[in-house]
């Protein structure tokens, strides 16, 4: 973040009135929002980031009409009247609630400069980390507590009850399997995140991966009288990817459909070559899309944006009962990110959901 103090105040104070100076063009390129305030606390200048944040007409307005945060206005007043610098943390609804660290510094005889550094992502990452530790601890503690309680019962009151011991052992086995799956998902997620910045290098047939996954999950589908069908698997271009990660991605999407789809219904895996969506416009060779569709109760719109958060569940009880860890779609999101793809989720309550992944197709040079 720019600190205009220590010798720069004079140069910057001259900038507010010289909107086309070379220094102003440099400040326009700064990602932080800069507001120059005159001695009457009126906005006298704003760089491009500030104009995007507060609107093109921000210059000439009273600062109190731009930022209605008393703690920040007091900091600007101290800078103008007493030459005091300050750092202030504030939240602004611009247009959604965002967190900023504001640095206020006096300008020699010309008011003050206000620098707003957006820390929304940093704050969100910190909160996600805290939530992740709390959720992971809870997810492990619950089955562990169940196993410990059942063991005490088997060793005590149910010691001589063969039927009760058998039931309790089955429950303990299920809880142990749930913990094992949770640890495996945590390890998979950590492994993918560690190399998310590195592009994969192998050539992969997404159709072959989908067919292999469908074959391995057939027994899971049959347990709920469901069928997995693959459509459009022929003639697809290869993609540059990691076959194991892509298999994990499709597996989690299909398991999600098996878990939440209605018994006796069809889970469809549809593959096709297509033009890249606008978000992947740089994919010059086109894209390959894989869509996993189910017949389920659907997902309410307010839940869709949060589905890929770790441990987020629309129906917590049903997910845990089915052995879900709440990490499947988070893994999907990170695999898609590593492959520089796009995940789109569509759902109609009462009808079903469609999870579509778009991945850039490999060119001839690949």
Protein backbone atom coordinates (compact mmCIF):
# COMPACT_ATOMS: atom_id res chain seq x y z
CA UNK A 1 0.00 0.00 0.00
CA UNK A 2 1.32 3.46 -0.89
CA UNK A 3 2.42 5.64 2.00
CA UNK A 4 2.54 9.25 0.74
CA UNK A 5 4.59 10.46 3.69
CA UNK A 6 8.34 10.93 4.07
CA UNK A 7 9.18 13.27 1.26
CA UNK A 8 6.37 12.44 -1.16
CA UNK A 9 3.73 14.75 0.29
CA UNK A 10 4.80 17.77 -1.71
CA UNK A 11 4.84 15.91 -5.00
CA UNK A 12 1.46 14.32 -4.37
CA UNK A 13 -0.10 17.58 -3.20
CA UNK A 14 0.76 19.05 -6.60
CA UNK A 15 -0.90 16.14 -8.35
CA UNK A 16 -4.47 16.78 -7.25
CA UNK A 17 -4.75 19.78 -9.52
CA UNK A 18 -2.69 18.30 -12.36
CA UNK A 19 -4.93 15.49 -13.53
CA UNK A 20 -2.90 14.67 -16.65
CA UNK A 21 0.61 14.75 -15.19
CA UNK A 22 2.90 11.72 -15.56
CA UNK A 23 2.74 11.16 -11.81
CA UNK A 24 -1.04 11.15 -11.93
CA UNK A 25 -0.97 8.52 -14.65
CA UNK A 26 1.25 6.42 -12.40
CA UNK A 27 -1.19 6.81 -9.51
CA UNK A 28 -4.02 5.82 -11.85
CA UNK A 29 -2.25 2.49 -12.28
CA UNK A 30 -2.10 1.85 -8.53
CA UNK A 31 -4.62 -0.87 -7.52
CA UNK A 32 -5.40 0.84 -4.19
CA UNK A 33 -8.02 3.60 -4.14
CA UNK A 34 -6.50 7.06 -3.51
CA UNK A 35 -8.56 10.11 -2.54
CA UNK A 36 -7.03 13.57 -2.22
CA UNK A 37 -8.93 15.74 0.22
CA UNK A 38 -8.57 19.54 0.49
CA UNK A 39 -8.49 21.57 3.69
CA UNK A 40 -12.31 21.67 3.75
CA UNK A 41 -12.55 17.85 3.63
CA UNK A 42 -13.78 17.91 0.05
CA UNK A 43 -12.54 15.32 -2.47
CA UNK A 44 -10.08 17.15 -4.70
CA UNK A 45 -8.79 14.22 -6.71
CA UNK A 46 -9.22 10.46 -7.14
CA UNK A 47 -7.28 7.81 -9.01
CA UNK A 48 -8.91 5.24 -11.29
CA UNK A 49 -9.38 2.66 -8.49
CA UNK A 50 -11.15 5.25 -6.34
CA UNK A 51 -13.43 6.27 -9.20
CA UNK A 52 -14.35 2.63 -9.76
CA UNK A 53 -15.07 2.25 -6.06
CA UNK A 54 -17.04 5.44 -5.41
CA UNK A 55 -18.22 6.44 -8.89
CA UNK A 56 -16.96 8.77 -11.60
CA UNK A 57 -18.46 11.83 -9.90
CA UNK A 58 -16.58 11.44 -6.64
CA UNK A 59 -14.34 14.49 -7.23
CA UNK A 60 -15.82 17.68 -5.81
CA UNK A 61 -18.04 15.94 -3.24
CA UNK A 62 -17.64 16.31 0.54
CA UNK A 63 -15.78 13.32 1.93
CA UNK A 64 -18.61 12.72 4.43
CA UNK A 65 -20.95 12.14 1.47
CA UNK A 66 -18.54 9.59 -0.01
CA UNK A 67 -17.49 7.63 3.09
CA UNK A 68 -19.94 7.69 5.98
CA UNK A 69 -17.59 6.24 8.59
CA UNK A 70 -17.02 8.61 11.57
CA UNK A 71 -13.75 6.94 12.57
CA UNK A 72 -12.33 7.58 9.10
CA UNK A 73 -13.64 11.16 8.92
CA UNK A 74 -12.05 11.84 12.33
CA UNK A 75 -8.76 10.49 11.03
CA UNK A 76 -8.89 12.82 8.03
CA UNK A 77 -9.70 15.77 10.31
CA UNK A 78 -6.68 14.97 12.50
CA UNK A 79 -4.48 14.76 9.42
CA UNK A 80 -5.67 18.14 8.10
CA UNK A 81 -5.69 20.05 11.37
CA UNK A 82 -2.81 18.47 13.31
CA UNK A 83 -0.73 16.66 10.68
CA UNK A 84 -1.34 13.24 12.27
CA UNK A 85 -1.07 10.04 10.21
CA UNK A 86 -3.28 7.07 11.04
CA UNK A 87 -4.19 3.56 9.93
CA UNK A 88 -7.85 2.60 10.24
CA UNK A 89 -9.79 -0.59 9.49
CA UNK A 90 -13.27 -0.05 8.06
CA UNK A 91 -15.97 -1.91 6.12
CA UNK A 92 -17.78 -0.33 3.19
CA UNK A 93 -20.76 -1.52 1.17
CA UNK A 94 -19.33 -0.76 -2.29
CA UNK A 95 -21.58 -2.32 -3.66
CA UNK A 96 -21.31 -5.36 -1.36
CA UNK A 97 -19.68 -5.29 2.07
CA UNK A 98 -15.90 -5.17 1.75
CA UNK A 99 -13.09 -4.72 4.28
CA UNK A 100 -10.46 -1.99 3.86
CA UNK A 101 -7.35 -0.81 5.66
CA UNK A 102 -7.24 2.96 5.29
CA UNK A 103 -4.03 4.98 5.58
CA UNK A 104 -4.57 8.71 6.15
CA UNK A 105 -1.65 11.12 5.77
CA UNK A 106 -1.46 14.94 5.75
CA UNK A 107 -0.40 16.85 2.65
CA UNK A 108 1.75 19.93 3.27
CA UNK A 109 -0.76 22.76 3.45
CA UNK A 110 -3.09 21.02 1.00
CA UNK A 111 -5.33 18.73 3.03
CA UNK A 112 -4.80 14.97 3.24
CA UNK A 113 -4.48 11.84 1.16
CA UNK A 114 -6.54 8.75 1.88
CA UNK A 115 -5.37 5.34 0.64
CA UNK A 116 -7.82 2.43 0.79
CA UNK A 117 -6.35 -1.06 0.54
CA UNK A 118 -8.92 -3.81 -0.05
CA UNK A 119 -8.37 -6.62 2.46
CA UNK A 120 -11.62 -8.46 1.81
CA UNK A 121 -9.92 -11.56 0.42
CA UNK A 122 -7.35 -11.61 3.23
CA UNK A 123 -10.08 -11.37 5.87
CA UNK A 124 -12.13 -14.01 4.07
CA UNK A 125 -9.14 -16.35 3.86
CA UNK A 126 -8.47 -15.93 7.58
CA UNK A 127 -12.09 -16.67 8.39
CA UNK A 128 -12.11 -19.69 6.09
CA UNK A 129 -9.02 -21.04 7.83
CA UNK A 130 -10.62 -20.61 11.26
CA UNK A 131 -13.86 -22.19 10.05
CA UNK A 132 -11.97 -25.04 8.40
CA UNK A 133 -10.14 -25.98 11.61
CA UNK A 134 -13.36 -25.77 13.62
CA UNK A 135 -15.35 -27.81 11.09
CA UNK A 136 -12.65 -30.45 10.62
CA UNK A 137 -12.36 -30.88 14.38
CA UNK A 138 -16.12 -31.25 14.68
CA UNK A 139 -16.35 -33.71 11.79
CA UNK A 140 -13.68 -35.95 13.34
CA UNK A 141 -14.91 -35.57 16.91
CA UNK A 142 -18.47 -36.71 16.13
CA UNK A 143 -17.72 -40.22 14.77
CA UNK A 144 -14.89 -40.64 17.29
CA UNK A 145 -17.25 -39.87 20.17
CA UNK A 146 -19.78 -42.35 18.76
CA UNK A 147 -17.14 -45.10 18.53
CA UNK A 148 -15.87 -44.45 22.07
CA UNK A 149 -19.42 -44.52 23.46
CA UNK A 150 -20.29 -47.73 21.66
CA UNK A 151 -17.06 -49.39 22.77
CA UNK A 152 -17.88 -48.60 26.38
CA UNK A 153 -21.33 -50.14 25.89
CA UNK A 154 -19.95 -53.27 24.22
CA UNK A 155 -17.40 -53.74 27.00
CA UNK A 156 -19.99 -53.03 29.69
CA UNK A 157 -23.79 -53.46 29.58
CA UNK A 158 -23.78 -55.25 26.21
CA UNK A 159 -20.90 -57.59 27.02
CA UNK A 160 -23.16 -60.65 27.04
CA UNK A 161 -25.69 -59.46 24.43
CA UNK A 162 -24.58 -60.92 21.10
CA UNK A 163 -27.28 -59.16 19.05
CA UNK A 164 -26.48 -55.76 20.56
CA UNK A 165 -22.74 -56.28 20.03
CA UNK A 166 -23.35 -57.06 16.36
CA UNK A 167 -25.45 -53.92 15.86
CA UNK A 168 -22.94 -51.75 17.67
CA UNK A 169 -20.01 -53.17 15.71
CA UNK A 170 -21.79 -52.34 12.46
CA UNK A 171 -22.32 -48.75 13.62
CA UNK A 172 -18.68 -48.48 14.71
CA UNK A 173 -17.52 -49.80 11.35
CA UNK A 174 -19.65 -47.19 9.56
CA UNK A 175 -18.31 -44.38 11.76
CA UNK A 176 -14.72 -45.56 11.24
CA UNK A 177 -15.30 -45.63 7.48
CA UNK A 178 -16.66 -42.08 7.68
CA UNK A 179 -13.51 -40.90 9.51
CA UNK A 180 -11.31 -42.70 6.99
CA UNK A 181 -13.12 -41.02 4.10
CA UNK A 182 -12.80 -37.64 5.81
CA UNK A 183 -9.04 -38.05 6.24
CA UNK A 184 -8.68 -39.19 2.63
CA UNK A 185 -10.66 -36.17 1.39
CA UNK A 186 -8.61 -33.80 3.55
CA UNK A 187 -5.38 -35.26 2.17
CA UNK A 188 -6.69 -35.07 -1.41
CA UNK A 189 -7.75 -31.46 -0.94
CA UNK A 190 -4.40 -30.51 0.59
CA UNK A 191 -2.48 -32.24 -2.21
CA UNK A 192 -4.48 -30.50 -4.93
CA UNK A 193 -4.16 -27.10 -3.28
CA UNK A 194 -0.38 -27.46 -2.96
CA UNK A 195 0.04 -27.78 -6.72
CA UNK A 196 -2.97 -25.75 -7.85
CA UNK A 197 -0.69 -23.08 -9.31
CA UNK A 198 1.14 -25.61 -11.53
CA UNK A 199 -0.50 -26.51 -14.81
CA UNK A 200 -0.80 -30.27 -15.47
CA UNK A 201 1.15 -31.59 -18.43
CA UNK A 202 -0.40 -34.91 -19.48
CA UNK A 203 -2.83 -35.52 -22.34
CA UNK A 204 -6.07 -37.03 -21.07
CA UNK A 205 -9.22 -38.42 -22.65
CA UNK A 206 -12.03 -37.12 -20.46
CA UNK A 207 -14.38 -39.73 -21.96
CA UNK A 208 -12.09 -42.59 -20.89
CA UNK A 209 -11.85 -41.13 -17.40
CA UNK A 210 -15.64 -40.80 -17.15
CA UNK A 211 -16.18 -44.40 -18.31
CA UNK A 212 -13.70 -45.70 -15.74
CA UNK A 213 -15.35 -43.73 -12.93
CA UNK A 214 -18.82 -44.90 -13.95
CA UNK A 215 -17.66 -48.52 -13.87
CA UNK A 216 -16.21 -48.18 -10.35
CA UNK A 217 -19.37 -46.53 -8.99
CA UNK A 218 -21.92 -48.89 -10.50
CA UNK A 219 -22.27 -50.84 -7.24
CA UNK A 220 -22.86 -47.61 -5.29
CA UNK A 221 -25.62 -46.64 -7.71
CA UNK A 222 -27.20 -50.11 -7.66
CA UNK A 223 -27.45 -49.94 -3.86
CA UNK A 224 -30.00 -47.16 -4.41
CA UNK A 225 -31.50 -48.79 -7.52
CA UNK A 226 -29.95 -46.07 -9.68
CA UNK A 227 -28.29 -46.30 -13.09
CA UNK A 228 -25.28 -44.36 -14.45
CA UNK A 229 -25.43 -43.55 -18.15
CA UNK A 230 -22.72 -41.93 -20.30
CA UNK A 231 -23.64 -39.85 -23.33
CA UNK A 232 -21.54 -38.36 -26.14
CA UNK A 233 -18.24 -40.02 -25.26
CA UNK A 234 -17.04 -40.45 -28.85
CA UNK A 235 -14.83 -38.17 -30.92
CA UNK A 236 -13.84 -35.74 -28.16
CA UNK A 237 -10.51 -33.89 -28.36
CA UNK A 238 -8.02 -34.61 -25.56
CA UNK A 239 -7.34 -32.12 -22.79
CA UNK A 240 -4.16 -31.23 -20.95
CA UNK A 241 -4.71 -32.57 -17.47
CA UNK A 242 -4.00 -34.90 -14.59
CA UNK A 243 -5.97 -38.11 -15.09
CA UNK A 244 -6.10 -38.99 -11.37
CA UNK A 245 -7.39 -35.56 -10.37
CA UNK A 246 -9.96 -35.52 -13.17
CA UNK A 247 -11.15 -38.97 -12.10
CA UNK A 248 -11.51 -37.68 -8.54
CA UNK A 249 -13.46 -34.68 -9.84
CA UNK A 250 -15.96 -36.78 -11.83
CA UNK A 251 -16.19 -39.34 -9.04
CA UNK A 252 -17.20 -36.67 -6.51
CA UNK A 253 -19.78 -35.21 -8.88
CA UNK A 254 -21.32 -38.63 -9.55
CA UNK A 255 -21.27 -39.57 -5.85
CA UNK A 256 -23.01 -36.29 -5.10
CA UNK A 257 -25.75 -37.20 -7.58
CA UNK A 258 -26.06 -40.72 -6.17
CA UNK A 259 -26.33 -39.32 -2.63
CA UNK A 260 -28.96 -36.68 -3.36
CA UNK A 261 -30.76 -38.18 -6.35
CA UNK A 262 -34.03 -40.00 -5.83
CA UNK A 263 -33.89 -43.78 -5.58
CA UNK A 264 -34.52 -45.62 -8.81
CA UNK A 265 -33.54 -42.66 -11.03
CA UNK A 266 -30.86 -42.06 -13.66
CA UNK A 267 -27.53 -40.29 -13.21
CA UNK A 268 -26.33 -38.99 -16.60
CA UNK A 269 -22.77 -38.10 -17.53
CA UNK A 270 -22.91 -36.08 -20.75
CA UNK A 271 -19.70 -35.15 -22.59
CA UNK A 272 -19.36 -32.81 -25.57
CA UNK A 273 -16.90 -30.62 -27.41
CA UNK A 274 -18.01 -27.01 -27.38
CA UNK A 275 -16.99 -23.41 -27.80
CA UNK A 276 -15.46 -22.09 -24.59
CA UNK A 277 -17.76 -20.04 -22.38
CA UNK A 278 -16.87 -16.31 -22.07
CA UNK A 279 -14.85 -16.96 -18.90
CA UNK A 280 -12.56 -19.27 -20.92
CA UNK A 281 -12.35 -17.09 -24.04
CA UNK A 282 -8.57 -17.60 -24.10
CA UNK A 283 -9.07 -21.33 -24.84
CA UNK A 284 -8.34 -21.04 -28.57
CA UNK A 285 -8.80 -24.76 -29.29
CA UNK A 286 -12.29 -24.87 -27.79
CA UNK A 287 -13.41 -26.73 -24.70
CA UNK A 288 -14.64 -30.11 -23.53
CA UNK A 289 -17.66 -30.10 -21.23
CA UNK A 290 -18.67 -32.86 -18.86
CA UNK A 291 -22.07 -32.51 -17.22
CA UNK A 292 -23.34 -34.71 -14.39
CA UNK A 293 -27.14 -34.59 -14.13
CA UNK A 294 -29.42 -36.07 -11.51
CA UNK A 295 -33.11 -36.35 -10.75
CA UNK A 296 -33.41 -34.95 -7.26
CA UNK A 297 -35.26 -32.46 -5.11
CA UNK A 298 -32.96 -29.79 -6.49
CA UNK A 299 -31.10 -27.00 -4.71
CA UNK A 300 -32.56 -23.67 -3.66
CA UNK A 301 -30.85 -20.71 -5.40
CA UNK A 302 -29.48 -19.24 -2.16
CA UNK A 303 -27.38 -22.37 -1.57
CA UNK A 304 -25.76 -22.68 -5.00
CA UNK A 305 -23.02 -20.05 -4.52
CA UNK A 306 -21.83 -21.80 -1.34
CA UNK A 307 -21.87 -25.42 -2.50
CA UNK A 308 -18.11 -25.54 -3.11
CA UNK A 309 -17.21 -24.25 0.36
CA UNK A 310 -15.55 -26.81 2.62
CA UNK A 311 -18.01 -28.66 4.84
CA UNK A 312 -20.98 -26.73 3.46
CA UNK A 313 -24.06 -28.95 3.24
CA UNK A 314 -27.59 -28.11 2.17
CA UNK A 315 -28.97 -31.09 4.12
CA UNK A 316 -26.46 -31.88 6.89
CA UNK A 317 -28.34 -34.83 8.34
CA UNK A 318 -28.82 -36.57 5.01
CA UNK A 319 -25.24 -35.98 3.92
CA UNK A 320 -23.76 -37.42 7.13
CA UNK A 321 -26.17 -40.37 7.05
CA UNK A 322 -24.98 -41.16 3.52
CA UNK A 323 -21.33 -40.96 4.60
CA UNK A 324 -20.63 -37.58 3.00
CA UNK A 325 -17.76 -35.46 4.32
CA UNK A 326 -18.83 -32.07 2.96
CA UNK A 327 -15.57 -31.80 0.99
CA UNK A 328 -16.51 -33.38 -2.34
CA UNK A 329 -17.50 -30.22 -4.19
CA UNK A 330 -14.62 -28.27 -2.63
CA UNK A 331 -12.27 -30.84 -4.18
CA UNK A 332 -14.09 -30.46 -7.51
CA UNK A 333 -13.62 -26.68 -7.39
CA UNK A 334 -9.87 -26.94 -6.81
CA UNK A 335 -9.37 -29.59 -9.52
CA UNK A 336 -11.25 -27.36 -11.96
CA UNK A 337 -9.12 -24.39 -10.89
CA UNK A 338 -5.87 -26.28 -11.44
CA UNK A 339 -7.03 -27.25 -14.93
CA UNK A 340 -7.95 -23.59 -15.63
CA UNK A 341 -11.54 -24.63 -16.21
CA UNK A 342 -14.98 -23.51 -15.12
CA UNK A 343 -17.65 -25.11 -12.93
CA UNK A 344 -21.28 -24.17 -13.59
CA UNK A 345 -24.13 -25.33 -11.34
CA UNK A 346 -27.77 -25.26 -12.38
CA UNK A 347 -30.68 -26.62 -10.37
CA UNK A 348 -34.45 -26.63 -10.57
CA UNK A 349 -36.17 -27.38 -7.26
CA UNK A 350 -38.27 -30.51 -7.57
CA UNK A 351 -36.60 -31.63 -10.82
CA UNK A 352 -32.85 -32.03 -10.38
CA UNK A 353 -29.39 -30.51 -10.67
CA UNK A 354 -26.71 -30.27 -13.34
CA UNK A 355 -23.00 -29.79 -12.55
CA UNK A 356 -21.05 -28.87 -15.69
CA UNK A 357 -17.26 -28.60 -15.89
CA UNK A 358 -15.66 -26.87 -18.90
CA UNK A 359 -11.99 -27.65 -19.53
CA UNK A 360 -9.88 -26.15 -22.36
CA UNK A 361 -9.20 -28.62 -25.18
CA UNK A 362 -5.60 -29.41 -26.04
CA UNK A 363 -4.23 -27.90 -29.23
CA UNK A 364 -2.09 -29.70 -31.81
CA UNK A 365 1.09 -28.34 -30.19
CA UNK A 366 0.19 -30.15 -26.97
